[in-house]
PDB file of N, CA and C in Angstrom:
ATOM      1  N   UNK A   1     -11.835  47.511 -63.501  1.00  0.00           N
ATOM      2  CA  UNK A   1     -12.154  45.919 -62.559  1.00  0.00           C
ATOM      3  C   UNK A   1     -11.083  44.882 -63.108  1.00  0.00           C
ATOM      4  N   UNK A   2     -11.439  44.704 -64.238  1.00  0.00           N
ATOM      5  CA  UNK A   2     -11.066  43.532 -64.704  1.00  0.00           C
ATOM      6  C   UNK A   2      -9.055  43.943 -64.385  1.00  0.00           C
ATOM      7  N   UNK A   3      -8.834  44.746 -64.657  1.00  0.00           N
ATOM      8  CA  UNK A   3      -7.130  44.781 -64.142  1.00  0.00           C
ATOM      9  C   UNK A   3      -6.795  44.402 -63.253  1.00  0.00           C
ATOM     10  N   UNK A   4      -7.884  44.577 -61.620  1.00  0.00           N
ATOM     11  CA  UNK A   4      -7.608  43.886 -60.179  1.00  0.00           C
ATOM     12  C   UNK A   4      -7.186  42.743 -60.216  1.00  0.00           C
ATOM     13  N   UNK A   5      -8.145  41.965 -60.978  1.00  0.00           N
ATOM     14  CA  UNK A   5      -7.944  40.758 -61.275  1.00  0.00           C
ATOM     15  C   UNK A   5      -6.752  39.731 -61.320  1.00  0.00           C
ATOM     16  N   UNK A   6      -6.332  38.406 -61.182  1.00  0.00           N
ATOM     17  CA  UNK A   6      -5.037  37.842 -61.470  1.00  0.00           C
ATOM     18  C   UNK A   6      -5.028  36.497 -62.223  1.00  0.00           C
ATOM     19  N   UNK A   7      -4.565  36.403 -63.330  1.00  0.00           N
ATOM     20  CA  UNK A   7      -4.241  36.114 -64.990  1.00  0.00           C
ATOM     21  C   UNK A   7      -5.494  35.500 -64.996  1.00  0.00           C
ATOM     22  N   UNK A   8      -6.285  34.587 -64.082  1.00  0.00           N
ATOM     23  CA  UNK A   8      -7.587  33.474 -64.407  1.00  0.00           C
ATOM     24  C   UNK A   8      -8.728  34.879 -63.286  1.00  0.00           C
ATOM     25  N   UNK A   9      -8.756  35.791 -63.591  1.00  0.00           N
ATOM     26  CA  UNK A   9      -9.228  36.112 -63.542  1.00  0.00           C
ATOM     27  C   UNK A   9     -10.528  36.180 -61.959  1.00  0.00           C
ATOM     28  N   UNK A  10      -9.760  36.066 -60.677  1.00  0.00           N
ATOM     29  CA  UNK A  10     -10.182  35.737 -59.439  1.00  0.00           C
ATOM     30  C   UNK A  10     -10.016  37.250 -58.916  1.00  0.00           C
ATOM     31  N   UNK A  11     -10.128  37.431 -57.602  1.00  0.00           N
ATOM     32  CA  UNK A  11      -9.432  37.701 -55.680  1.00  0.00           C
ATOM     33  C   UNK A  11      -8.632  37.300 -56.387  1.00  0.00           C
ATOM     34  N   UNK A  12      -6.976  38.619 -56.503  1.00  0.00           N
ATOM     35  CA  UNK A  12      -5.959  37.795 -56.170  1.00  0.00           C
ATOM     36  C   UNK A  12      -6.164  37.711 -53.900  1.00  0.00           C
ATOM     37  N   UNK A  13      -5.074  36.766 -53.698  1.00  0.00           N
ATOM     38  CA  UNK A  13      -5.076  36.149 -52.919  1.00  0.00           C
ATOM     39  C   UNK A  13      -4.235  36.652 -52.008  1.00  0.00           C
ATOM     40  N   UNK A  14      -3.349  37.711 -52.059  1.00  0.00           N
ATOM     41  CA  UNK A  14      -1.599  37.384 -51.870  1.00  0.00           C
ATOM     42  C   UNK A  14      -1.180  38.796 -50.967  1.00  0.00           C
ATOM     43  N   UNK A  15      -2.365  39.498 -51.007  1.00  0.00           N
ATOM     44  CA  UNK A  15      -2.150  40.736 -50.204  1.00  0.00           C
ATOM     45  C   UNK A  15      -3.654  40.922 -49.539  1.00  0.00           C
ATOM     46  N   UNK A  16      -3.811  41.076 -48.587  1.00  0.00           N
ATOM     47  CA  UNK A  16      -5.038  41.027 -47.811  1.00  0.00           C
ATOM     48  C   UNK A  16      -6.170  42.455 -47.449  1.00  0.00           C
ATOM     49  N   UNK A  17      -5.400  43.526 -47.634  1.00  0.00           N
ATOM     50  CA  UNK A  17      -6.243  44.228 -47.527  1.00  0.00           C
ATOM     51  C   UNK A  17      -6.318  44.683 -49.165  1.00  0.00           C
ATOM     52  N   UNK A  18      -5.618  44.225 -50.230  1.00  0.00           N
ATOM     53  CA  UNK A  18      -6.325  44.793 -51.286  1.00  0.00           C
ATOM     54  C   UNK A  18      -7.546  43.993 -51.836  1.00  0.00           C
ATOM     55  N   UNK A  19      -6.841  42.775 -50.893  1.00  0.00           N
ATOM     56  CA  UNK A  19      -8.290  41.616 -51.391  1.00  0.00           C
ATOM     57  C   UNK A  19      -9.870  42.470 -51.058  1.00  0.00           C
ATOM     58  N   UNK A  20      -9.245  42.464 -49.452  1.00  0.00           N
ATOM     59  CA  UNK A  20     -11.123  43.515 -48.510  1.00  0.00           C
ATOM     60  C   UNK A  20     -11.208  44.596 -50.036  1.00  0.00           C
ATOM     61  N   UNK A  21     -10.397  44.635 -51.100  1.00  0.00           N
ATOM     62  CA  UNK A  21     -10.442  46.778 -51.526  1.00  0.00           C
ATOM     63  C   UNK A  21     -11.906  46.214 -52.719  1.00  0.00           C
ATOM     64  N   UNK A  22     -11.755  44.783 -53.461  1.00  0.00           N
ATOM     65  CA  UNK A  22     -11.509  43.995 -54.182  1.00  0.00           C
ATOM     66  C   UNK A  22     -12.760  43.885 -54.135  1.00  0.00           C
ATOM     67  N   UNK A  23     -12.852  43.513 -52.812  1.00  0.00           N
ATOM     68  CA  UNK A  23     -14.104  42.043 -52.616  1.00  0.00           C
ATOM     69  C   UNK A  23     -15.790  43.441 -52.848  1.00  0.00           C
ATOM     70  N   UNK A  24     -14.358  44.545 -51.951  1.00  0.00           N
ATOM     71  CA  UNK A  24     -15.771  44.998 -51.868  1.00  0.00           C
ATOM     72  C   UNK A  24     -16.705  46.107 -53.059  1.00  0.00           C
ATOM     73  N   UNK A  25     -15.439  46.050 -54.226  1.00  0.00           N
ATOM     74  CA  UNK A  25     -16.407  46.756 -55.653  1.00  0.00           C
ATOM     75  C   UNK A  25     -16.567  44.972 -56.422  1.00  0.00           C
ATOM     76  N   UNK A  26     -15.938  44.529 -55.843  1.00  0.00           N
ATOM     77  CA  UNK A  26     -17.222  42.858 -56.846  1.00  0.00           C
ATOM     78  C   UNK A  26     -19.095  43.586 -56.463  1.00  0.00           C
ATOM     79  N   UNK A  27     -18.242  42.880 -55.483  1.00  0.00           N
ATOM     80  CA  UNK A  27     -20.170  43.306 -54.191  1.00  0.00           C
ATOM     81  C   UNK A  27     -20.518  44.968 -55.167  1.00  0.00           C
ATOM     82  N   UNK A  28     -20.574  45.722 -55.248  1.00  0.00           N
ATOM     83  CA  UNK A  28     -21.243  46.547 -55.571  1.00  0.00           C
ATOM     84  C   UNK A  28     -21.200  46.881 -57.364  1.00  0.00           C
ATOM     85  N   UNK A  29     -20.606  45.113 -58.195  1.00  0.00           N
ATOM     86  CA  UNK A  29     -21.301  44.679 -59.323  1.00  0.00           C
ATOM     87  C   UNK A  29     -21.971  44.261 -59.125  1.00  0.00           C
ATOM     88  N   UNK A  30     -22.305  43.114 -58.198  1.00  0.00           N
ATOM     89  CA  UNK A  30     -23.105  41.988 -57.781  1.00  0.00           C
ATOM     90  C   UNK A  30     -24.423  43.191 -57.504  1.00  0.00           C
ATOM     91  N   UNK A  31     -24.510  43.461 -56.461  1.00  0.00           N
ATOM     92  CA  UNK A  31     -25.250  44.727 -56.722  1.00  0.00           C
ATOM     93  C   UNK A  31     -26.609  45.444 -57.886  1.00  0.00           C
ATOM     94  N   UNK A  32     -24.698  46.170 -58.860  1.00  0.00           N
ATOM     95  CA  UNK A  32     -25.748  47.489 -59.876  1.00  0.00           C
ATOM     96  C   UNK A  32     -25.261  46.912 -61.049  1.00  0.00           C
ATOM     97  N   UNK A  33     -24.329  45.855 -61.345  1.00  0.00           N
ATOM     98  CA  UNK A  33     -24.809  45.282 -62.643  1.00  0.00           C
ATOM     99  C   UNK A  33     -26.609  44.775 -63.070  1.00  0.00           C
ATOM    100  N   UNK A  34     -27.046  43.812 -62.830  1.00  0.00           N
ATOM    101  CA  UNK A  34     -28.470  43.531 -63.063  1.00  0.00           C
ATOM    102  C   UNK A  34     -29.070  45.146 -63.207  1.00  0.00           C
ATOM    103  N   UNK A  35     -29.027  46.036 -62.383  1.00  0.00           N
ATOM    104  CA  UNK A  35     -30.209  47.002 -63.390  1.00  0.00           C
ATOM    105  C   UNK A  35     -30.046  47.327 -63.899  1.00  0.00           C
ATOM    106  N   UNK A  36     -30.657  48.100 -64.406  1.00  0.00           N
ATOM    107  CA  UNK A  36     -31.089  48.789 -66.370  1.00  0.00           C
ATOM    108  C   UNK A  36     -30.300  49.892 -65.625  1.00  0.00           C
ATOM    109  N   UNK A  37     -30.240  50.690 -67.116  1.00  0.00           N
ATOM    110  CA  UNK A  37     -29.315  51.934 -66.756  1.00  0.00           C
ATOM    111  C   UNK A  37     -30.904  53.431 -66.295  1.00  0.00           C
ATOM    112  N   UNK A  38     -30.342  54.071 -65.001  1.00  0.00           N
ATOM    113  CA  UNK A  38     -31.151  55.001 -64.186  1.00  0.00           C
ATOM    114  C   UNK A  38     -31.234  54.761 -63.151  1.00  0.00           C
ATOM    115  N   UNK A  39     -31.930  53.031 -63.588  1.00  0.00           N
ATOM    116  CA  UNK A  39     -32.531  52.728 -61.717  1.00  0.00           C
ATOM    117  C   UNK A  39     -31.179  52.844 -60.068  1.00  0.00           C
ATOM    118  N   UNK A  40     -31.618  52.916 -59.105  1.00  0.00           N
ATOM    119  CA  UNK A  40     -30.517  52.308 -58.583  1.00  0.00           C
ATOM    120  C   UNK A  40     -31.101  50.983 -57.206  1.00  0.00           C
ATOM    121  N   UNK A  41     -30.587  51.000 -56.377  1.00  0.00           N
ATOM    122  CA  UNK A  41     -31.174  50.212 -55.286  1.00  0.00           C
ATOM    123  C   UNK A  41     -30.095  50.180 -53.906  1.00  0.00           C
ATOM    124  N   UNK A  42     -30.462  49.548 -53.326  1.00  0.00           N
ATOM    125  CA  UNK A  42     -29.715  49.932 -51.406  1.00  0.00           C
ATOM    126  C   UNK A  42     -29.390  48.699 -51.538  1.00  0.00           C
ATOM    127  N   UNK A  43     -28.046  48.669 -50.842  1.00  0.00           N
ATOM    128  CA  UNK A  43     -27.142  47.130 -50.922  1.00  0.00           C
ATOM    129  C   UNK A  43     -27.135  46.623 -49.707  1.00  0.00           C
ATOM    130  N   UNK A  44     -26.677  45.413 -48.743  1.00  0.00           N
ATOM    131  CA  UNK A  44     -26.523  45.179 -47.263  1.00  0.00           C
ATOM    132  C   UNK A  44     -25.284  45.243 -46.936  1.00  0.00           C
ATOM    133  N   UNK A  45     -24.755  46.537 -48.101  1.00  0.00           N
ATOM    134  CA  UNK A  45     -22.467  46.339 -47.428  1.00  0.00           C
ATOM    135  C   UNK A  45     -22.849  48.321 -46.792  1.00  0.00           C
ATOM    136  N   UNK A  46     -22.816  47.981 -45.833  1.00  0.00           N
ATOM    137  CA  UNK A  46     -22.434  48.773 -44.121  1.00  0.00           C
ATOM    138  C   UNK A  46     -20.968  50.034 -45.012  1.00  0.00           C
ATOM    139  N   UNK A  47     -21.634  51.105 -44.883  1.00  0.00           N
ATOM    140  CA  UNK A  47     -20.509  52.326 -45.488  1.00  0.00           C
ATOM    141  C   UNK A  47     -19.447  52.429 -44.588  1.00  0.00           C
ATOM    142  N   UNK A  48     -18.518  52.488 -44.803  1.00  0.00           N
ATOM    143  CA  UNK A  48     -18.129  52.737 -43.943  1.00  0.00           C
ATOM    144  C   UNK A  48     -16.895  54.622 -43.924  1.00  0.00           C
ATOM    145  N   UNK A  49     -17.681  55.441 -44.187  1.00  0.00           N
ATOM    146  CA  UNK A  49     -16.874  56.425 -43.143  1.00  0.00           C
ATOM    147  C   UNK A  49     -17.233  57.482 -42.418  1.00  0.00           C
ATOM    148  N   UNK A  50     -16.864  57.196 -41.256  1.00  0.00           N
ATOM    149  CA  UNK A  50     -16.632  58.039 -40.435  1.00  0.00           C
ATOM    150  C   UNK A  50     -16.998  59.488 -39.873  1.00  0.00           C
ATOM    151  N   UNK A  51     -18.639  60.086 -40.440  1.00  0.00           N
ATOM    152  CA  UNK A  51     -18.507  61.810 -40.469  1.00  0.00           C
ATOM    153  C   UNK A  51     -18.443  62.344 -38.941  1.00  0.00           C
ATOM    154  N   UNK A  52     -18.272  63.055 -38.594  1.00  0.00           N
ATOM    155  CA  UNK A  52     -18.659  63.314 -37.324  1.00  0.00           C
ATOM    156  C   UNK A  52     -18.111  62.598 -36.396  1.00  0.00           C
ATOM    157  N   UNK A  53     -16.803  62.229 -37.121  1.00  0.00           N
ATOM    158  CA  UNK A  53     -15.766  61.107 -35.134  1.00  0.00           C
ATOM    159  C   UNK A  53     -16.503  59.222 -35.784  1.00  0.00           C
ATOM    160  N   UNK A  54     -17.304  59.237 -35.826  1.00  0.00           N
ATOM    161  CA  UNK A  54     -18.184  58.029 -35.693  1.00  0.00           C
ATOM    162  C   UNK A  54     -18.503  57.300 -36.961  1.00  0.00           C
ATOM    163  N   UNK A  55     -19.009  56.809 -36.631  1.00  0.00           N
ATOM    164  CA  UNK A  55     -19.494  55.905 -38.128  1.00  0.00           C
ATOM    165  C   UNK A  55     -20.140  55.891 -38.620  1.00  0.00           C
ATOM    166  N   UNK A  56     -20.599  55.926 -39.979  1.00  0.00           N
ATOM    167  CA  UNK A  56     -21.575  55.892 -40.705  1.00  0.00           C
ATOM    168  C   UNK A  56     -23.174  55.304 -40.322  1.00  0.00           C
ATOM    169  N   UNK A  57     -23.892  55.340 -40.055  1.00  0.00           N
ATOM    170  CA  UNK A  57     -24.315  53.168 -39.563  1.00  0.00           C
ATOM    171  C   UNK A  57     -25.138  53.458 -41.308  1.00  0.00           C
ATOM    172  N   UNK A  58     -25.064  54.131 -41.903  1.00  0.00           N
ATOM    173  CA  UNK A  58     -25.910  54.294 -43.475  1.00  0.00           C
ATOM    174  C   UNK A  58     -25.633  52.462 -44.156  1.00  0.00           C
ATOM    175  N   UNK A  59     -26.494  52.527 -45.329  1.00  0.00           N
ATOM    176  CA  UNK A  59     -25.301  51.932 -45.869  1.00  0.00           C
ATOM    177  C   UNK A  59     -25.290  52.071 -47.442  1.00  0.00           C
ATOM    178  N   UNK A  60     -24.942  51.424 -48.517  1.00  0.00           N
ATOM    179  CA  UNK A  60     -24.913  51.247 -49.408  1.00  0.00           C
ATOM    180  C   UNK A  60     -25.254  51.981 -50.966  1.00  0.00           C
ATOM    181  N   UNK A  61     -25.284  52.685 -51.377  1.00  0.00           N
ATOM    182  CA  UNK A  61     -26.552  51.812 -52.015  1.00  0.00           C
ATOM    183  C   UNK A  61     -26.035  52.690 -54.199  1.00  0.00           C
ATOM    184  N   UNK A  62     -26.631  52.236 -55.126  1.00  0.00           N
ATOM    185  CA  UNK A  62     -25.702  51.822 -56.049  1.00  0.00           C
ATOM    186  C   UNK A  62     -26.324  52.085 -57.247  1.00  0.00           C
ATOM    187  N   UNK A  63     -26.335  52.796 -57.996  1.00  0.00           N
ATOM    188  CA  UNK A  63     -26.903  53.174 -58.900  1.00  0.00           C
ATOM    189  C   UNK A  63     -26.058  53.122 -61.404  1.00  0.00           C
ATOM    190  N   UNK A  64     -26.570  52.274 -61.595  1.00  0.00           N
ATOM    191  CA  UNK A  64     -25.948  52.539 -62.897  1.00  0.00           C
ATOM    192  C   UNK A  64     -26.246  53.255 -64.070  1.00  0.00           C
ATOM    193  N   UNK A  65     -25.346  54.574 -64.361  1.00  0.00           N
ATOM    194  CA  UNK A  65     -25.100  55.383 -64.966  1.00  0.00           C
ATOM    195  C   UNK A  65     -25.552  55.369 -66.659  1.00  0.00           C
ATOM    196  N   UNK A  66     -25.926  56.486 -67.413  1.00  0.00           N
ATOM    197  CA  UNK A  66     -25.734  56.209 -68.191  1.00  0.00           C
ATOM    198  C   UNK A  66     -24.935  55.463 -69.737  1.00  0.00           C
ATOM    199  N   UNK A  67     -23.929  55.941 -69.268  1.00  0.00           N
ATOM    200  CA  UNK A  67     -22.779  54.960 -70.124  1.00  0.00           C
ATOM    201  C   UNK A  67     -22.368  53.553 -68.975  1.00  0.00           C
ATOM    202  N   UNK A  68     -23.314  53.012 -67.870  1.00  0.00           N
ATOM    203  CA  UNK A  68     -23.028  51.633 -67.154  1.00  0.00           C
ATOM    204  C   UNK A  68     -21.912  51.997 -66.420  1.00  0.00           C
ATOM    205  N   UNK A  69     -21.438  53.159 -65.772  1.00  0.00           N
ATOM    206  CA  UNK A  69     -20.526  52.486 -64.752  1.00  0.00           C
ATOM    207  C   UNK A  69     -21.520  52.090 -63.781  1.00  0.00           C
ATOM    208  N   UNK A  70     -22.103  51.502 -63.294  1.00  0.00           N
ATOM    209  CA  UNK A  70     -21.539  52.425 -61.565  1.00  0.00           C
ATOM    210  C   UNK A  70     -21.200  52.644 -60.071  1.00  0.00           C
ATOM    211  N   UNK A  71     -21.972  53.184 -59.721  1.00  0.00           N
ATOM    212  CA  UNK A  71     -21.621  54.539 -58.495  1.00  0.00           C
ATOM    213  C   UNK A  71     -22.174  54.148 -57.300  1.00  0.00           C
ATOM    214  N   UNK A  72     -21.880  54.324 -56.400  1.00  0.00           N
ATOM    215  CA  UNK A  72     -21.624  53.856 -55.100  1.00  0.00           C
ATOM    216  C   UNK A  72     -22.267  55.140 -54.481  1.00  0.00           C
ATOM    217  N   UNK A  73     -22.692  54.856 -52.810  1.00  0.00           N
ATOM    218  CA  UNK A  73     -22.970  56.103 -52.643  1.00  0.00           C
ATOM    219  C   UNK A  73     -24.089  55.958 -51.206  1.00  0.00           C
ATOM    220  N   UNK A  74     -23.184  57.057 -49.785  1.00  0.00           N
ATOM    221  CA  UNK A  74     -24.261  56.315 -49.051  1.00  0.00           C
ATOM    222  C   UNK A  74     -24.866  58.260 -48.980  1.00  0.00           C
ATOM    223  N   UNK A  75     -26.413  57.002 -48.930  1.00  0.00           N
ATOM    224  CA  UNK A  75     -27.345  58.781 -48.924  1.00  0.00           C
ATOM    225  C   UNK A  75     -27.880  58.760 -47.753  1.00  0.00           C
ATOM    226  N   UNK A  76     -27.127  58.444 -46.119  1.00  0.00           N
ATOM    227  CA  UNK A  76     -26.908  59.214 -44.238  1.00  0.00           C
ATOM    228  C   UNK A  76     -26.108  60.437 -44.344  1.00  0.00           C
ATOM    229  N   UNK A  77     -24.478  59.770 -44.694  1.00  0.00           N
ATOM    230  CA  UNK A  77     -23.589  60.741 -45.094  1.00  0.00           C
ATOM    231  C   UNK A  77     -22.836  61.692 -46.127  1.00  0.00           C
ATOM    232  N   UNK A  78     -23.744  61.418 -47.461  1.00  0.00           N
ATOM    233  CA  UNK A  78     -23.951  61.875 -48.591  1.00  0.00           C
ATOM    234  C   UNK A  78     -22.979  62.293 -49.299  1.00  0.00           C
ATOM    235  N   UNK A  79     -22.120  60.180 -49.062  1.00  0.00           N
ATOM    236  CA  UNK A  79     -20.969  60.109 -49.379  1.00  0.00           C
ATOM    237  C   UNK A  79     -20.901  59.441 -51.388  1.00  0.00           C
ATOM    238  N   UNK A  80     -20.113  59.813 -51.952  1.00  0.00           N
ATOM    239  CA  UNK A  80     -19.890  58.855 -53.174  1.00  0.00           C
ATOM    240  C   UNK A  80     -18.642  58.154 -52.441  1.00  0.00           C
ATOM    241  N   UNK A  81     -19.114  56.896 -53.099  1.00  0.00           N
ATOM    242  CA  UNK A  81     -17.082  55.859 -52.341  1.00  0.00           C
ATOM    243  C   UNK A  81     -16.071  55.161 -54.026  1.00  0.00           C
ATOM    244  N   UNK A  82     -16.710  55.389 -54.865  1.00  0.00           N
ATOM    245  CA  UNK A  82     -16.646  54.662 -55.774  1.00  0.00           C
ATOM    246  C   UNK A  82     -17.030  54.740 -57.206  1.00  0.00           C
ATOM    247  N   UNK A  83     -16.644  55.202 -58.044  1.00  0.00           N
ATOM    248  CA  UNK A  83     -17.494  54.342 -59.386  1.00  0.00           C
ATOM    249  C   UNK A  83     -17.045  53.370 -60.380  1.00  0.00           C
ATOM    250  N   UNK A  84     -17.859  52.754 -60.427  1.00  0.00           N
ATOM    251  CA  UNK A  84     -16.735  51.065 -61.264  1.00  0.00           C
ATOM    252  C   UNK A  84     -17.337  51.590 -62.224  1.00  0.00           C
ATOM    253  N   UNK A  85     -16.037  51.050 -62.971  1.00  0.00           N
ATOM    254  CA  UNK A  85     -16.337  51.195 -65.060  1.00  0.00           C
ATOM    255  C   UNK A  85     -15.540  49.569 -65.294  1.00  0.00           C
ATOM    256  N   UNK A  86     -15.729  49.320 -66.074  1.00  0.00           N
ATOM    257  CA  UNK A  86     -15.197  48.201 -66.875  1.00  0.00           C
ATOM    258  C   UNK A  86     -15.014  46.733 -65.832  1.00  0.00           C
ATOM    259  N   UNK A  87     -17.111  46.756 -65.938  1.00  0.00           N
ATOM    260  CA  UNK A  87     -16.853  45.326 -65.068  1.00  0.00           C
ATOM    261  C   UNK A  87     -17.919  44.667 -65.438  1.00  0.00           C
ATOM    262  N   UNK A  88     -18.410  45.103 -66.694  1.00  0.00           N
ATOM    263  CA  UNK A  88     -19.324  43.765 -67.054  1.00  0.00           C
ATOM    264  C   UNK A  88     -18.451  42.336 -67.648  1.00  0.00           C
ATOM    265  N   UNK A  89     -17.723  41.662 -67.590  1.00  0.00           N
ATOM    266  CA  UNK A  89     -17.160  41.298 -67.687  1.00  0.00           C
ATOM    267  C   UNK A  89     -16.254  40.364 -66.541  1.00  0.00           C
ATOM    268  N   UNK A  90     -17.007  41.010 -65.649  1.00  0.00           N
ATOM    269  CA  UNK A  90     -16.540  40.398 -64.377  1.00  0.00           C
ATOM    270  C   UNK A  90     -17.745  38.768 -64.016  1.00  0.00           C
ATOM    271  N   UNK A  91     -17.386  37.913 -63.511  1.00  0.00           N
ATOM    272  CA  UNK A  91     -17.515  37.154 -62.872  1.00  0.00           C
ATOM    273  C   UNK A  91     -19.697  37.379 -62.611  1.00  0.00           C
ATOM    274  N   UNK A  92     -19.560  38.338 -61.382  1.00  0.00           N
ATOM    275  CA  UNK A  92     -20.443  39.605 -61.093  1.00  0.00           C
ATOM    276  C   UNK A  92     -21.598  40.568 -61.385  1.00  0.00           C
ATOM    277  N   UNK A  93     -20.996  40.262 -62.977  1.00  0.00           N
ATOM    278  CA  UNK A  93     -22.238  42.252 -63.566  1.00  0.00           C
ATOM    279  C   UNK A  93     -23.505  41.457 -63.825  1.00  0.00           C
ATOM    280  N   UNK A  94     -23.571  39.577 -63.328  1.00  0.00           N
ATOM    281  CA  UNK A  94     -25.383  39.121 -63.604  1.00  0.00           C
ATOM    282  C   UNK A  94     -25.362  38.912 -62.317  1.00  0.00           C
ATOM    283  N   UNK A  95     -25.166  39.120 -61.787  1.00  0.00           N
ATOM    284  CA  UNK A  95     -25.449  39.367 -59.858  1.00  0.00           C
ATOM    285  C   UNK A  95     -25.081  38.428 -59.281  1.00  0.00           C
ATOM    286  N   UNK A  96     -26.381  38.287 -58.489  1.00  0.00           N
ATOM    287  CA  UNK A  96     -25.899  36.439 -57.082  1.00  0.00           C
ATOM    288  C   UNK A  96     -25.803  35.411 -58.446  1.00  0.00           C
ATOM    289  N   UNK A  97     -24.425  34.482 -57.963  1.00  0.00           N
ATOM    290  CA  UNK A  97     -24.238  33.409 -59.027  1.00  0.00           C
ATOM    291  C   UNK A  97     -25.405  32.468 -59.081  1.00  0.00           C
ATOM    292  N   UNK A  98     -25.964  31.597 -59.820  1.00  0.00           N
ATOM    293  CA  UNK A  98     -27.243  30.764 -59.522  1.00  0.00           C
ATOM    294  C   UNK A  98     -26.929  29.281 -59.015  1.00  0.00           C
ATOM    295  N   UNK A  99     -27.861  29.809 -57.888  1.00  0.00           N
ATOM    296  CA  UNK A  99     -28.245  28.197 -56.947  1.00  0.00           C
ATOM    297  C   UNK A  99     -27.252  26.776 -57.502  1.00  0.00           C
ATOM    298  N   UNK A 100     -27.146  26.241 -56.579  1.00  0.00           N
ATOM    299  CA  UNK A 100     -25.739  25.210 -56.760  1.00  0.00           C
ATOM    300  C   UNK A 100     -26.482  24.172 -55.311  1.00  0.00           C
ATOM    301  N   UNK A 101     -25.933  22.284 -56.211  1.00  0.00           N
ATOM    302  CA  UNK A 101     -26.297  21.385 -55.019  1.00  0.00           C
ATOM    303  C   UNK A 101     -25.437  20.724 -53.660  1.00  0.00           C
ATOM    304  N   UNK A 102     -25.161  20.414 -52.753  1.00  0.00           N
ATOM    305  CA  UNK A 102     -24.090  20.389 -51.927  1.00  0.00           C
ATOM    306  C   UNK A 102     -23.182  20.064 -52.773  1.00  0.00           C
ATOM    307  N   UNK A 103     -24.096  18.474 -53.475  1.00  0.00           N
ATOM    308  CA  UNK A 103     -22.309  18.157 -54.376  1.00  0.00           C
ATOM    309  C   UNK A 103     -21.245  19.657 -55.248  1.00  0.00           C
ATOM    310  N   UNK A 104     -21.399  20.195 -55.907  1.00  0.00           N
ATOM    311  CA  UNK A 104     -21.831  21.408 -56.413  1.00  0.00           C
ATOM    312  C   UNK A 104     -20.689  22.622 -56.246  1.00  0.00           C
ATOM    313  N   UNK A 105     -21.717  22.907 -55.099  1.00  0.00           N
ATOM    314  CA  UNK A 105     -21.080  23.839 -53.918  1.00  0.00           C
ATOM    315  C   UNK A 105     -19.385  23.394 -53.519  1.00  0.00           C
ATOM    316  N   UNK A 106     -19.986  21.779 -52.840  1.00  0.00           N
ATOM    317  CA  UNK A 106     -18.628  21.406 -51.879  1.00  0.00           C
ATOM    318  C   UNK A 106     -17.595  21.331 -53.151  1.00  0.00           C
ATOM    319  N   UNK A 107     -17.964  20.956 -54.371  1.00  0.00           N
ATOM    320  CA  UNK A 107     -16.935  21.111 -55.456  1.00  0.00           C
ATOM    321  C   UNK A 107     -16.344  22.719 -56.039  1.00  0.00           C
ATOM    322  N   UNK A 108     -16.810  23.164 -55.938  1.00  0.00           N
ATOM    323  CA  UNK A 108     -16.850  24.926 -55.220  1.00  0.00           C
ATOM    324  C   UNK A 108     -15.050  25.815 -55.074  1.00  0.00           C
ATOM    325  N   UNK A 109     -15.431  24.401 -53.332  1.00  0.00           N
ATOM    326  CA  UNK A 109     -15.119  25.389 -52.789  1.00  0.00           C
ATOM    327  C   UNK A 109     -12.946  24.447 -52.815  1.00  0.00           C
ATOM    328  N   UNK A 110     -13.656  23.618 -53.391  1.00  0.00           N
ATOM    329  CA  UNK A 110     -11.749  23.066 -53.011  1.00  0.00           C
ATOM    330  C   UNK A 110     -11.071  23.207 -54.230  1.00  0.00           C
ATOM    331  N   UNK A 111     -12.468  23.824 -55.741  1.00  0.00           N
ATOM    332  CA  UNK A 111     -11.054  24.249 -56.553  1.00  0.00           C
ATOM    333  C   UNK A 111     -10.226  25.618 -56.409  1.00  0.00           C
ATOM    334  N   UNK A 112     -12.297  26.028 -55.579  1.00  0.00           N
ATOM    335  CA  UNK A 112     -11.650  27.677 -54.255  1.00  0.00           C
ATOM    336  C   UNK A 112      -9.434  27.462 -54.152  1.00  0.00           C
ATOM    337  N   UNK A 113     -10.046  27.076 -53.105  1.00  0.00           N
ATOM    338  CA  UNK A 113      -9.000  26.162 -52.692  1.00  0.00           C
ATOM    339  C   UNK A 113      -7.785  26.510 -53.111  1.00  0.00           C
ATOM    340  N   UNK A 114      -7.851  25.265 -54.151  1.00  0.00           N
ATOM    341  CA  UNK A 114      -6.601  24.641 -54.870  1.00  0.00           C
ATOM    342  C   UNK A 114      -6.013  25.442 -55.540  1.00  0.00           C
ATOM    343  N   UNK A 115      -6.956  27.005 -55.952  1.00  0.00           N
ATOM    344  CA  UNK A 115      -6.859  28.126 -57.057  1.00  0.00           C
ATOM    345  C   UNK A 115      -5.694  28.815 -56.072  1.00  0.00           C
ATOM    346  N   UNK A 116      -5.915  29.313 -54.662  1.00  0.00           N
ATOM    347  CA  UNK A 116      -5.339  29.790 -53.088  1.00  0.00           C
ATOM    348  C   UNK A 116      -4.525  29.943 -53.178  1.00  0.00           C
ATOM    349  N   UNK A 117      -4.483  28.448 -52.950  1.00  0.00           N
ATOM    350  CA  UNK A 117      -2.555  27.349 -52.858  1.00  0.00           C
ATOM    351  C   UNK A 117      -1.603  28.067 -54.051  1.00  0.00           C
ATOM    352  N   UNK A 118      -2.131  28.447 -54.653  1.00  0.00           N
ATOM    353  CA  UNK A 118      -1.416  28.254 -56.673  1.00  0.00           C
ATOM    354  C   UNK A 118      -0.415  29.607 -56.652  1.00  0.00           C
TER     355      UNK A 118
END
């Protein structure tokens, strides 16, 4: 996962299609990282598959495997989407960030906008 990030460890902003793909993998990490090995959970990430010529209505599940990789899959259309390795040193490895107050969130937005412009 870390090889997809820019030199500062952030999700790239120069290619929007690639950015969407990296964000999706980051969401799998955010849901799966805090799990114990062999644990699974349903996410709020929609399945993107189009079986039977229509959109799958399933939500993605993640499982942390014995080797610490994270597998994402849909139980509705029965397809795997990603097997994520090398995620442990990302910002999403411990799950969602801790809540912050209004001042901190405004400063974080300003910093992210500044980094996106550079």
